[in-house]
PDB file of N, CA and C in Angstrom:
ATOM      1  N   UNK A   1      23.016 -42.726  14.743  1.00  0.00           N
ATOM      2  CA  UNK A   1      23.483 -41.376  15.046  1.00  0.00           C
ATOM      3  C   UNK A   1      23.834 -40.624  13.763  1.00  0.00           C
ATOM      4  N   UNK A   2      24.584 -41.289  12.872  1.00  0.00           N
ATOM      5  CA  UNK A   2      24.986 -40.648  11.629  1.00  0.00           C
ATOM      6  C   UNK A   2      23.772 -40.320  10.775  1.00  0.00           C
ATOM      7  N   UNK A   3      22.796 -41.217  10.736  1.00  0.00           N
ATOM      8  CA  UNK A   3      21.579 -40.966   9.952  1.00  0.00           C
ATOM      9  C   UNK A   3      20.822 -39.765  10.507  1.00  0.00           C
ATOM     10  N   UNK A   4      20.749 -39.650  11.822  1.00  0.00           N
ATOM     11  CA  UNK A   4      20.068 -38.513  12.435  1.00  0.00           C
ATOM     12  C   UNK A   4      20.801 -37.216  12.096  1.00  0.00           C
ATOM     13  N   UNK A   5      22.115 -37.246  12.102  1.00  0.00           N
ATOM     14  CA  UNK A   5      22.903 -36.070  11.740  1.00  0.00           C
ATOM     15  C   UNK A   5      22.684 -35.673  10.291  1.00  0.00           C
ATOM     16  N   UNK A   6      22.611 -36.663   9.414  1.00  0.00           N
ATOM     17  CA  UNK A   6      22.352 -36.382   8.001  1.00  0.00           C
ATOM     18  C   UNK A   6      20.982 -35.757   7.807  1.00  0.00           C
ATOM     19  N   UNK A   7      20.004 -36.251   8.554  1.00  0.00           N
ATOM     20  CA  UNK A   7      18.646 -35.687   8.447  1.00  0.00           C
ATOM     21  C   UNK A   7      18.627 -34.236   8.940  1.00  0.00           C
ATOM     22  N   UNK A   8      19.334 -33.983  10.027  1.00  0.00           N
ATOM     23  CA  UNK A   8      19.394 -32.626  10.553  1.00  0.00           C
ATOM     24  C   UNK A   8      20.062 -31.692   9.549  1.00  0.00           C
ATOM     25  N   UNK A   9      21.167 -32.125   8.974  1.00  0.00           N
ATOM     26  CA  UNK A   9      21.840 -31.319   7.965  1.00  0.00           C
ATOM     27  C   UNK A   9      20.954 -31.102   6.746  1.00  0.00           C
ATOM     28  N   UNK A  10      20.263 -32.145   6.331  1.00  0.00           N
ATOM     29  CA  UNK A  10      19.360 -32.021   5.187  1.00  0.00           C
ATOM     30  C   UNK A  10      18.289 -30.970   5.477  1.00  0.00           C
ATOM     31  N   UNK A  11      17.786 -30.946   6.702  1.00  0.00           N
ATOM     32  CA  UNK A  11      16.796 -29.946   7.089  1.00  0.00           C
ATOM     33  C   UNK A  11      17.360 -28.538   7.038  1.00  0.00           C
ATOM     34  N   UNK A  12      18.580 -28.363   7.524  1.00  0.00           N
ATOM     35  CA  UNK A  12      19.212 -27.043   7.477  1.00  0.00           C
ATOM     36  C   UNK A  12      19.456 -26.602   6.029  1.00  0.00           C
ATOM     37  N   UNK A  13      19.919 -27.535   5.209  1.00  0.00           N
ATOM     38  CA  UNK A  13      20.231 -27.198   3.824  1.00  0.00           C
ATOM     39  C   UNK A  13      18.984 -26.919   2.994  1.00  0.00           C
ATOM     40  N   UNK A  14      17.841 -27.399   3.459  1.00  0.00           N
ATOM     41  CA  UNK A  14      16.578 -27.183   2.754  1.00  0.00           C
ATOM     42  C   UNK A  14      15.781 -26.024   3.325  1.00  0.00           C
ATOM     43  N   UNK A  15      16.272 -25.412   4.379  1.00  0.00           N
ATOM     44  CA  UNK A  15      15.534 -24.359   5.069  1.00  0.00           C
ATOM     45  C   UNK A  15      15.350 -23.137   4.165  1.00  0.00           C
ATOM     46  N   UNK A  16      14.237 -22.465   4.328  1.00  0.00           N
ATOM     47  CA  UNK A  16      13.950 -21.266   3.526  1.00  0.00           C
ATOM     48  C   UNK A  16      14.814 -20.081   3.932  1.00  0.00           C
ATOM     49  N   UNK A  17      15.363 -20.121   5.145  1.00  0.00           N
ATOM     50  CA  UNK A  17      16.160 -18.996   5.647  1.00  0.00           C
ATOM     51  C   UNK A  17      17.629 -19.160   5.259  1.00  0.00           C
ATOM     52  N   UNK A  18      18.162 -18.114   4.653  1.00  0.00           N
ATOM     53  CA  UNK A  18      19.545 -18.138   4.165  1.00  0.00           C
ATOM     54  C   UNK A  18      20.525 -18.511   5.270  1.00  0.00           C
ATOM     55  N   UNK A  19      20.416 -17.881   6.429  1.00  0.00           N
ATOM     56  CA  UNK A  19      21.387 -18.128   7.488  1.00  0.00           C
ATOM     57  C   UNK A  19      21.311 -19.559   8.024  1.00  0.00           C
ATOM     58  N   UNK A  20      20.167 -20.183   7.942  1.00  0.00           N
ATOM     59  CA  UNK A  20      20.070 -21.582   8.353  1.00  0.00           C
ATOM     60  C   UNK A  20      20.779 -22.468   7.330  1.00  0.00           C
ATOM     61  N   UNK A  21      20.628 -22.133   6.044  1.00  0.00           N
ATOM     62  CA  UNK A  21      21.350 -22.893   5.020  1.00  0.00           C
ATOM     63  C   UNK A  21      22.850 -22.680   5.171  1.00  0.00           C
ATOM     64  N   UNK A  22      23.262 -21.446   5.447  1.00  0.00           N
ATOM     65  CA  UNK A  22      24.687 -21.163   5.657  1.00  0.00           C
ATOM     66  C   UNK A  22      25.203 -21.958   6.856  1.00  0.00           C
ATOM     67  N   UNK A  23      24.432 -22.022   7.929  1.00  0.00           N
ATOM     68  CA  UNK A  23      24.831 -22.815   9.102  1.00  0.00           C
ATOM     69  C   UNK A  23      24.975 -24.284   8.725  1.00  0.00           C
ATOM     70  N   UNK A  24      24.045 -24.786   7.922  1.00  0.00           N
ATOM     71  CA  UNK A  24      24.131 -26.176   7.466  1.00  0.00           C
ATOM     72  C   UNK A  24      25.353 -26.412   6.595  1.00  0.00           C
ATOM     73  N   UNK A  25      25.678 -25.457   5.738  1.00  0.00           N
ATOM     74  CA  UNK A  25      26.871 -25.574   4.894  1.00  0.00           C
ATOM     75  C   UNK A  25      28.137 -25.527   5.733  1.00  0.00           C
ATOM     76  N   UNK A  26      28.165 -24.634   6.720  1.00  0.00           N
ATOM     77  CA  UNK A  26      29.316 -24.549   7.627  1.00  0.00           C
ATOM     78  C   UNK A  26      29.527 -25.887   8.332  1.00  0.00           C
ATOM     79  N   UNK A  27      28.443 -26.431   8.856  1.00  0.00           N
ATOM     80  CA  UNK A  27      28.540 -27.702   9.565  1.00  0.00           C
ATOM     81  C   UNK A  27      28.943 -28.836   8.622  1.00  0.00           C
ATOM     82  N   UNK A  28      28.394 -28.829   7.430  1.00  0.00           N
ATOM     83  CA  UNK A  28      28.753 -29.847   6.435  1.00  0.00           C
ATOM     84  C   UNK A  28      30.230 -29.788   6.115  1.00  0.00           C
ATOM     85  N   UNK A  29      30.759 -28.583   5.966  1.00  0.00           N
ATOM     86  CA  UNK A  29      32.184 -28.425   5.676  1.00  0.00           C
ATOM     87  C   UNK A  29      33.036 -28.947   6.822  1.00  0.00           C
ATOM     88  N   UNK A  30      32.562 -28.770   8.042  1.00  0.00           N
ATOM     89  CA  UNK A  30      33.313 -29.221   9.220  1.00  0.00           C
ATOM     90  C   UNK A  30      33.296 -30.737   9.390  1.00  0.00           C
ATOM     91  N   UNK A  31      32.178 -31.375   9.086  1.00  0.00           N
ATOM     92  CA  UNK A  31      32.048 -32.823   9.303  1.00  0.00           C
ATOM     93  C   UNK A  31      31.973 -33.581   7.979  1.00  0.00           C
ATOM     94  N   UNK A  32      32.367 -32.924   6.900  1.00  0.00           N
ATOM     95  CA  UNK A  32      32.265 -33.523   5.572  1.00  0.00           C
ATOM     96  C   UNK A  32      32.912 -34.892   5.461  1.00  0.00           C
ATOM     97  N   UNK A  33      34.019 -35.085   6.155  1.00  0.00           N
ATOM     98  CA  UNK A  33      34.699 -36.374   6.080  1.00  0.00           C
ATOM     99  C   UNK A  33      33.855 -37.515   6.584  1.00  0.00           C
ATOM    100  N   UNK A  34      33.156 -37.293   7.668  1.00  0.00           N
ATOM    101  CA  UNK A  34      32.326 -38.350   8.250  1.00  0.00           C
ATOM    102  C   UNK A  34      31.105 -38.650   7.395  1.00  0.00           C
ATOM    103  N   UNK A  35      30.682 -37.679   6.608  1.00  0.00           N
ATOM    104  CA  UNK A  35      29.463 -37.845   5.820  1.00  0.00           C
ATOM    105  C   UNK A  35      29.736 -37.978   4.328  1.00  0.00           C
ATOM    106  N   UNK A  36      30.998 -38.155   3.949  1.00  0.00           N
ATOM    107  CA  UNK A  36      31.348 -38.152   2.530  1.00  0.00           C
ATOM    108  C   UNK A  36      30.744 -39.304   1.750  1.00  0.00           C
ATOM    109  N   UNK A  37      30.305 -40.347   2.428  1.00  0.00           N
ATOM    110  CA  UNK A  37      29.681 -41.462   1.711  1.00  0.00           C
ATOM    111  C   UNK A  37      28.203 -41.208   1.439  1.00  0.00           C
ATOM    112  N   UNK A  38      27.681 -40.111   1.930  1.00  0.00           N
ATOM    113  CA  UNK A  38      26.269 -39.770   1.754  1.00  0.00           C
ATOM    114  C   UNK A  38      26.110 -38.957   0.472  1.00  0.00           C
ATOM    115  N   UNK A  39      25.828 -39.639  -0.638  1.00  0.00           N
ATOM    116  CA  UNK A  39      25.726 -38.943  -1.926  1.00  0.00           C
ATOM    117  C   UNK A  39      24.545 -37.979  -1.952  1.00  0.00           C
ATOM    118  N   UNK A  40      23.497 -38.266  -1.191  1.00  0.00           N
ATOM    119  CA  UNK A  40      22.353 -37.361  -1.138  1.00  0.00           C
ATOM    120  C   UNK A  40      22.760 -36.024  -0.515  1.00  0.00           C
ATOM    121  N   UNK A  41      23.626 -36.071   0.484  1.00  0.00           N
ATOM    122  CA  UNK A  41      24.102 -34.839   1.113  1.00  0.00           C
ATOM    123  C   UNK A  41      24.902 -34.009   0.117  1.00  0.00           C
ATOM    124  N   UNK A  42      25.767 -34.652  -0.640  1.00  0.00           N
ATOM    125  CA  UNK A  42      26.546 -33.928  -1.650  1.00  0.00           C
ATOM    126  C   UNK A  42      25.610 -33.308  -2.683  1.00  0.00           C
ATOM    127  N   UNK A  43      24.581 -34.035  -3.088  1.00  0.00           N
ATOM    128  CA  UNK A  43      23.611 -33.492  -4.040  1.00  0.00           C
ATOM    129  C   UNK A  43      22.913 -32.258  -3.471  1.00  0.00           C
ATOM    130  N   UNK A  44      22.563 -32.305  -2.192  1.00  0.00           N
ATOM    131  CA  UNK A  44      21.911 -31.146  -1.553  1.00  0.00           C
ATOM    132  C   UNK A  44      22.840 -29.945  -1.517  1.00  0.00           C
ATOM    133  N   UNK A  45      24.095 -30.186  -1.191  1.00  0.00           N
ATOM    134  CA  UNK A  45      25.075 -29.094  -1.133  1.00  0.00           C
ATOM    135  C   UNK A  45      25.234 -28.479  -2.527  1.00  0.00           C
ATOM    136  N   UNK A  46      25.332 -29.319  -3.546  1.00  0.00           N
ATOM    137  CA  UNK A  46      25.436 -28.810  -4.913  1.00  0.00           C
ATOM    138  C   UNK A  46      24.210 -27.978  -5.273  1.00  0.00           C
ATOM    139  N   UNK A  47      23.048 -28.478  -4.906  1.00  0.00           N
ATOM    140  CA  UNK A  47      21.793 -27.786  -5.201  1.00  0.00           C
ATOM    141  C   UNK A  47      21.751 -26.416  -4.518  1.00  0.00           C
ATOM    142  N   UNK A  48      22.151 -26.360  -3.269  1.00  0.00           N
ATOM    143  CA  UNK A  48      22.176 -25.080  -2.552  1.00  0.00           C
ATOM    144  C   UNK A  48      23.119 -24.117  -3.271  1.00  0.00           C
ATOM    145  N   UNK A  49      24.289 -24.604  -3.660  1.00  0.00           N
ATOM    146  CA  UNK A  49      25.251 -23.753  -4.352  1.00  0.00           C
ATOM    147  C   UNK A  49      24.736 -23.234  -5.680  1.00  0.00           C
ATOM    148  N   UNK A  50      24.018 -24.073  -6.411  1.00  0.00           N
ATOM    149  CA  UNK A  50      23.473 -23.671  -7.707  1.00  0.00           C
ATOM    150  C   UNK A  50      22.377 -22.617  -7.559  1.00  0.00           C
ATOM    151  N   UNK A  51      21.594 -22.694  -6.491  1.00  0.00           N
ATOM    152  CA  UNK A  51      20.463 -21.787  -6.306  1.00  0.00           C
ATOM    153  C   UNK A  51      20.816 -20.546  -5.487  1.00  0.00           C
ATOM    154  N   UNK A  52      21.980 -20.550  -4.872  1.00  0.00           N
ATOM    155  CA  UNK A  52      22.348 -19.463  -3.959  1.00  0.00           C
ATOM    156  C   UNK A  52      22.463 -18.129  -4.675  1.00  0.00           C
ATOM    157  N   UNK A  53      21.921 -17.124  -4.015  1.00  0.00           N
ATOM    158  CA  UNK A  53      22.059 -15.741  -4.478  1.00  0.00           C
ATOM    159  C   UNK A  53      23.012 -15.003  -3.543  1.00  0.00           C
ATOM    160  N   UNK A  54      22.911 -15.313  -2.276  1.00  0.00           N
ATOM    161  CA  UNK A  54      23.736 -14.686  -1.246  1.00  0.00           C
ATOM    162  C   UNK A  54      25.203 -15.096  -1.433  1.00  0.00           C
ATOM    163  N   UNK A  55      26.143 -14.149  -1.500  1.00  0.00           N
ATOM    164  CA  UNK A  55      27.558 -14.475  -1.702  1.00  0.00           C
ATOM    165  C   UNK A  55      28.135 -15.380  -0.609  1.00  0.00           C
ATOM    166  N   UNK A  56      27.728 -15.162   0.635  1.00  0.00           N
ATOM    167  CA  UNK A  56      28.233 -16.004   1.718  1.00  0.00           C
ATOM    168  C   UNK A  56      27.735 -17.446   1.540  1.00  0.00           C
ATOM    169  N   UNK A  57      26.500 -17.596   1.144  1.00  0.00           N
ATOM    170  CA  UNK A  57      25.937 -18.925   0.920  1.00  0.00           C
ATOM    171  C   UNK A  57      26.667 -19.620  -0.226  1.00  0.00           C
ATOM    172  N   UNK A  58      26.933 -18.899  -1.306  1.00  0.00           N
ATOM    173  CA  UNK A  58      27.675 -19.472  -2.438  1.00  0.00           C
ATOM    174  C   UNK A  58      29.070 -19.927  -1.993  1.00  0.00           C
ATOM    175  N   UNK A  59      29.726 -19.080  -1.209  1.00  0.00           N
ATOM    176  CA  UNK A  59      31.073 -19.394  -0.740  1.00  0.00           C
ATOM    177  C   UNK A  59      31.089 -20.652   0.125  1.00  0.00           C
ATOM    178  N   UNK A  60      30.164 -20.726   1.082  1.00  0.00           N
ATOM    179  CA  UNK A  60      30.131 -21.894   1.964  1.00  0.00           C
ATOM    180  C   UNK A  60      29.715 -23.154   1.205  1.00  0.00           C
ATOM    181  N   UNK A  61      28.853 -23.007   0.213  1.00  0.00           N
ATOM    182  CA  UNK A  61      28.461 -24.169  -0.590  1.00  0.00           C
ATOM    183  C   UNK A  61      29.674 -24.714  -1.346  1.00  0.00           C
ATOM    184  N   UNK A  62      30.475 -23.827  -1.907  1.00  0.00           N
ATOM    185  CA  UNK A  62      31.683 -24.250  -2.619  1.00  0.00           C
ATOM    186  C   UNK A  62      32.662 -24.930  -1.669  1.00  0.00           C
ATOM    187  N   UNK A  63      32.824 -24.381  -0.478  1.00  0.00           N
ATOM    188  CA  UNK A  63      33.737 -24.988   0.507  1.00  0.00           C
ATOM    189  C   UNK A  63      33.260 -26.368   0.941  1.00  0.00           C
ATOM    190  N   UNK A  64      31.971 -26.476   1.250  1.00  0.00           N
ATOM    191  CA  UNK A  64      31.426 -27.757   1.704  1.00  0.00           C
ATOM    192  C   UNK A  64      31.518 -28.804   0.600  1.00  0.00           C
ATOM    193  N   UNK A  65      31.174 -28.403  -0.611  1.00  0.00           N
ATOM    194  CA  UNK A  65      31.253 -29.324  -1.755  1.00  0.00           C
ATOM    195  C   UNK A  65      32.698 -29.782  -1.966  1.00  0.00           C
ATOM    196  N   UNK A  66      33.626 -28.843  -1.918  1.00  0.00           N
ATOM    197  CA  UNK A  66      35.036 -29.182  -2.086  1.00  0.00           C
ATOM    198  C   UNK A  66      35.535 -30.133  -1.015  1.00  0.00           C
ATOM    199  N   UNK A  67      35.105 -29.907   0.225  1.00  0.00           N
ATOM    200  CA  UNK A  67      35.538 -30.774   1.328  1.00  0.00           C
ATOM    201  C   UNK A  67      35.026 -32.203   1.143  1.00  0.00           C
ATOM    202  N   UNK A  68      33.745 -32.320   0.806  1.00  0.00           N
ATOM    203  CA  UNK A  68      33.171 -33.656   0.614  1.00  0.00           C
ATOM    204  C   UNK A  68      33.851 -34.355  -0.568  1.00  0.00           C
ATOM    205  N   UNK A  69      34.014 -33.654  -1.682  1.00  0.00           N
ATOM    206  CA  UNK A  69      34.659 -34.254  -2.849  1.00  0.00           C
ATOM    207  C   UNK A  69      36.095 -34.674  -2.540  1.00  0.00           C
ATOM    208  N   UNK A  70      36.816 -33.855  -1.772  1.00  0.00           N
ATOM    209  CA  UNK A  70      38.178 -34.212  -1.370  1.00  0.00           C
ATOM    210  C   UNK A  70      38.182 -35.501  -0.542  1.00  0.00           C
ATOM    211  N   UNK A  71      37.282 -35.579   0.415  1.00  0.00           N
ATOM    212  CA  UNK A  71      37.216 -36.770   1.266  1.00  0.00           C
ATOM    213  C   UNK A  71      36.872 -38.010   0.456  1.00  0.00           C
ATOM    214  N   UNK A  72      35.987 -37.882  -0.517  1.00  0.00           N
ATOM    215  CA  UNK A  72      35.642 -39.018  -1.380  1.00  0.00           C
ATOM    216  C   UNK A  72      36.869 -39.463  -2.157  1.00  0.00           C
ATOM    217  N   UNK A  73      37.635 -38.518  -2.730  1.00  0.00           N
ATOM    218  CA  UNK A  73      38.852 -38.877  -3.476  1.00  0.00           C
ATOM    219  C   UNK A  73      39.875 -39.568  -2.578  1.00  0.00           C
ATOM    220  N   UNK A  74      40.033 -39.082  -1.358  1.00  0.00           N
ATOM    221  CA  UNK A  74      40.968 -39.707  -0.422  1.00  0.00           C
ATOM    222  C   UNK A  74      40.532 -41.140  -0.112  1.00  0.00           C
ATOM    223  N   UNK A  75      39.247 -41.327   0.136  1.00  0.00           N
ATOM    224  CA  UNK A  75      38.746 -42.668   0.444  1.00  0.00           C
ATOM    225  C   UNK A  75      38.928 -43.604  -0.747  1.00  0.00           C
ATOM    226  N   UNK A  76      38.658 -43.121  -1.952  1.00  0.00           N
ATOM    227  CA  UNK A  76      38.863 -43.943  -3.142  1.00  0.00           C
ATOM    228  C   UNK A  76      40.335 -44.318  -3.293  1.00  0.00           C
ATOM    229  N   UNK A  77      41.222 -43.353  -3.081  1.00  0.00           N
ATOM    230  CA  UNK A  77      42.654 -43.620  -3.219  1.00  0.00           C
ATOM    231  C   UNK A  77      43.114 -44.649  -2.190  1.00  0.00           C
ATOM    232  N   UNK A  78      42.634 -44.532  -0.960  1.00  0.00           N
ATOM    233  CA  UNK A  78      43.002 -45.503   0.078  1.00  0.00           C
ATOM    234  C   UNK A  78      42.502 -46.895  -0.282  1.00  0.00           C
ATOM    235  N   UNK A  79      41.269 -46.952  -0.790  1.00  0.00           N
ATOM    236  CA  UNK A  79      40.697 -48.251  -1.176  1.00  0.00           C
ATOM    237  C   UNK A  79      41.469 -48.840  -2.355  1.00  0.00           C
ATOM    238  N   UNK A  80      41.833 -48.010  -3.321  1.00  0.00           N
ATOM    239  CA  UNK A  80      42.597 -48.481  -4.470  1.00  0.00           C
ATOM    240  C   UNK A  80      43.958 -49.002  -4.030  1.00  0.00           C
ATOM    241  N   UNK A  81      44.569 -48.316  -3.074  1.00  0.00           N
ATOM    242  CA  UNK A  81      45.873 -48.755  -2.560  1.00  0.00           C
ATOM    243  C   UNK A  81      45.740 -50.120  -1.895  1.00  0.00           C
ATOM    244  N   UNK A  82      44.686 -50.286  -1.099  1.00  0.00           N
ATOM    245  CA  UNK A  82      44.447 -51.578  -0.440  1.00  0.00           C
ATOM    246  C   UNK A  82      44.287 -52.692  -1.461  1.00  0.00           C
ATOM    247  N   UNK A  83      43.568 -52.417  -2.520  1.00  0.00           N
ATOM    248  CA  UNK A  83      43.302 -53.438  -3.530  1.00  0.00           C
ATOM    249  C   UNK A  83      44.507 -53.714  -4.419  1.00  0.00           C
ATOM    250  N   UNK A  84      45.444 -52.774  -4.494  1.00  0.00           N
ATOM    251  CA  UNK A  84      46.604 -52.971  -5.353  1.00  0.00           C
ATOM    252  C   UNK A  84      47.687 -53.822  -4.697  1.00  0.00           C
ATOM    253  N   UNK A  85      47.613 -54.035  -3.395  1.00  0.00           N
ATOM    254  CA  UNK A  85      48.588 -54.861  -2.695  1.00  0.00           C
ATOM    255  C   UNK A  85      48.168 -56.317  -2.854  1.00  0.00           C
ATOM    256  N   UNK A  86      49.064 -57.181  -3.354  1.00  0.00           N
ATOM    257  CA  UNK A  86      48.714 -58.603  -3.493  1.00  0.00           C
ATOM    258  C   UNK A  86      48.243 -59.193  -2.161  1.00  0.00           C
ATOM    259  N   UNK A  87      47.317 -60.130  -2.235  1.00  0.00           N
ATOM    260  CA  UNK A  87      46.676 -60.697  -1.052  1.00  0.00           C
ATOM    261  C   UNK A  87      47.681 -61.195  -0.022  1.00  0.00           C
ATOM    262  N   UNK A  88      48.705 -61.898  -0.426  1.00  0.00           N
ATOM    263  CA  UNK A  88      49.683 -62.429   0.509  1.00  0.00           C
ATOM    264  C   UNK A  88      50.457 -61.338   1.236  1.00  0.00           C
ATOM    265  N   UNK A  89      50.609 -60.214   0.599  1.00  0.00           N
ATOM    266  CA  UNK A  89      51.382 -59.121   1.197  1.00  0.00           C
ATOM    267  C   UNK A  89      50.542 -58.243   2.092  1.00  0.00           C
ATOM    268  N   UNK A  90      49.211 -58.345   2.035  1.00  0.00           N
ATOM    269  CA  UNK A  90      48.339 -57.498   2.849  1.00  0.00           C
ATOM    270  C   UNK A  90      48.586 -57.730   4.342  1.00  0.00           C
ATOM    271  N   UNK A  91      48.802 -58.962   4.717  1.00  0.00           N
ATOM    272  CA  UNK A  91      49.047 -59.264   6.127  1.00  0.00           C
ATOM    273  C   UNK A  91      50.355 -58.620   6.584  1.00  0.00           C
ATOM    274  N   UNK A  92      51.372 -58.642   5.702  1.00  0.00           N
ATOM    275  CA  UNK A  92      52.661 -58.037   6.050  1.00  0.00           C
ATOM    276  C   UNK A  92      52.533 -56.521   6.171  1.00  0.00           C
ATOM    277  N   UNK A  93      51.767 -55.905   5.265  1.00  0.00           N
ATOM    278  CA  UNK A  93      51.590 -54.462   5.298  1.00  0.00           C
ATOM    279  C   UNK A  93      50.844 -54.055   6.550  1.00  0.00           C
ATOM    280  N   UNK A  94      49.833 -54.831   6.942  1.00  0.00           N
ATOM    281  CA  UNK A  94      49.036 -54.513   8.124  1.00  0.00           C
ATOM    282  C   UNK A  94      49.851 -54.659   9.408  1.00  0.00           C
ATOM    283  N   UNK A  95      50.835 -55.532   9.396  1.00  0.00           N
ATOM    284  CA  UNK A  95      51.631 -55.786  10.598  1.00  0.00           C
ATOM    285  C   UNK A  95      52.624 -54.741  10.881  1.00  0.00           C
TER     286      UNK A  95
END
């Protein structure tokens, strides 16, 4: 399901029509957390933002990129926190 969603978003972000790309950026910004591990999606969003001429497209590209980058930082911080707890204490923290 997630792969199909990524493909659909990739299609929207690659579309020749500005409003379709804007729709893809809007959707990416909304579901960015679920797709934050998809580095190809982030690359596409960056690419759209770099090539955008339309102000609305530029704005949504910046928002979507920011959302994905934020989610990646949160996930990294959570993972770092998990790894910083000594192994014996992990069971206590989980309980």
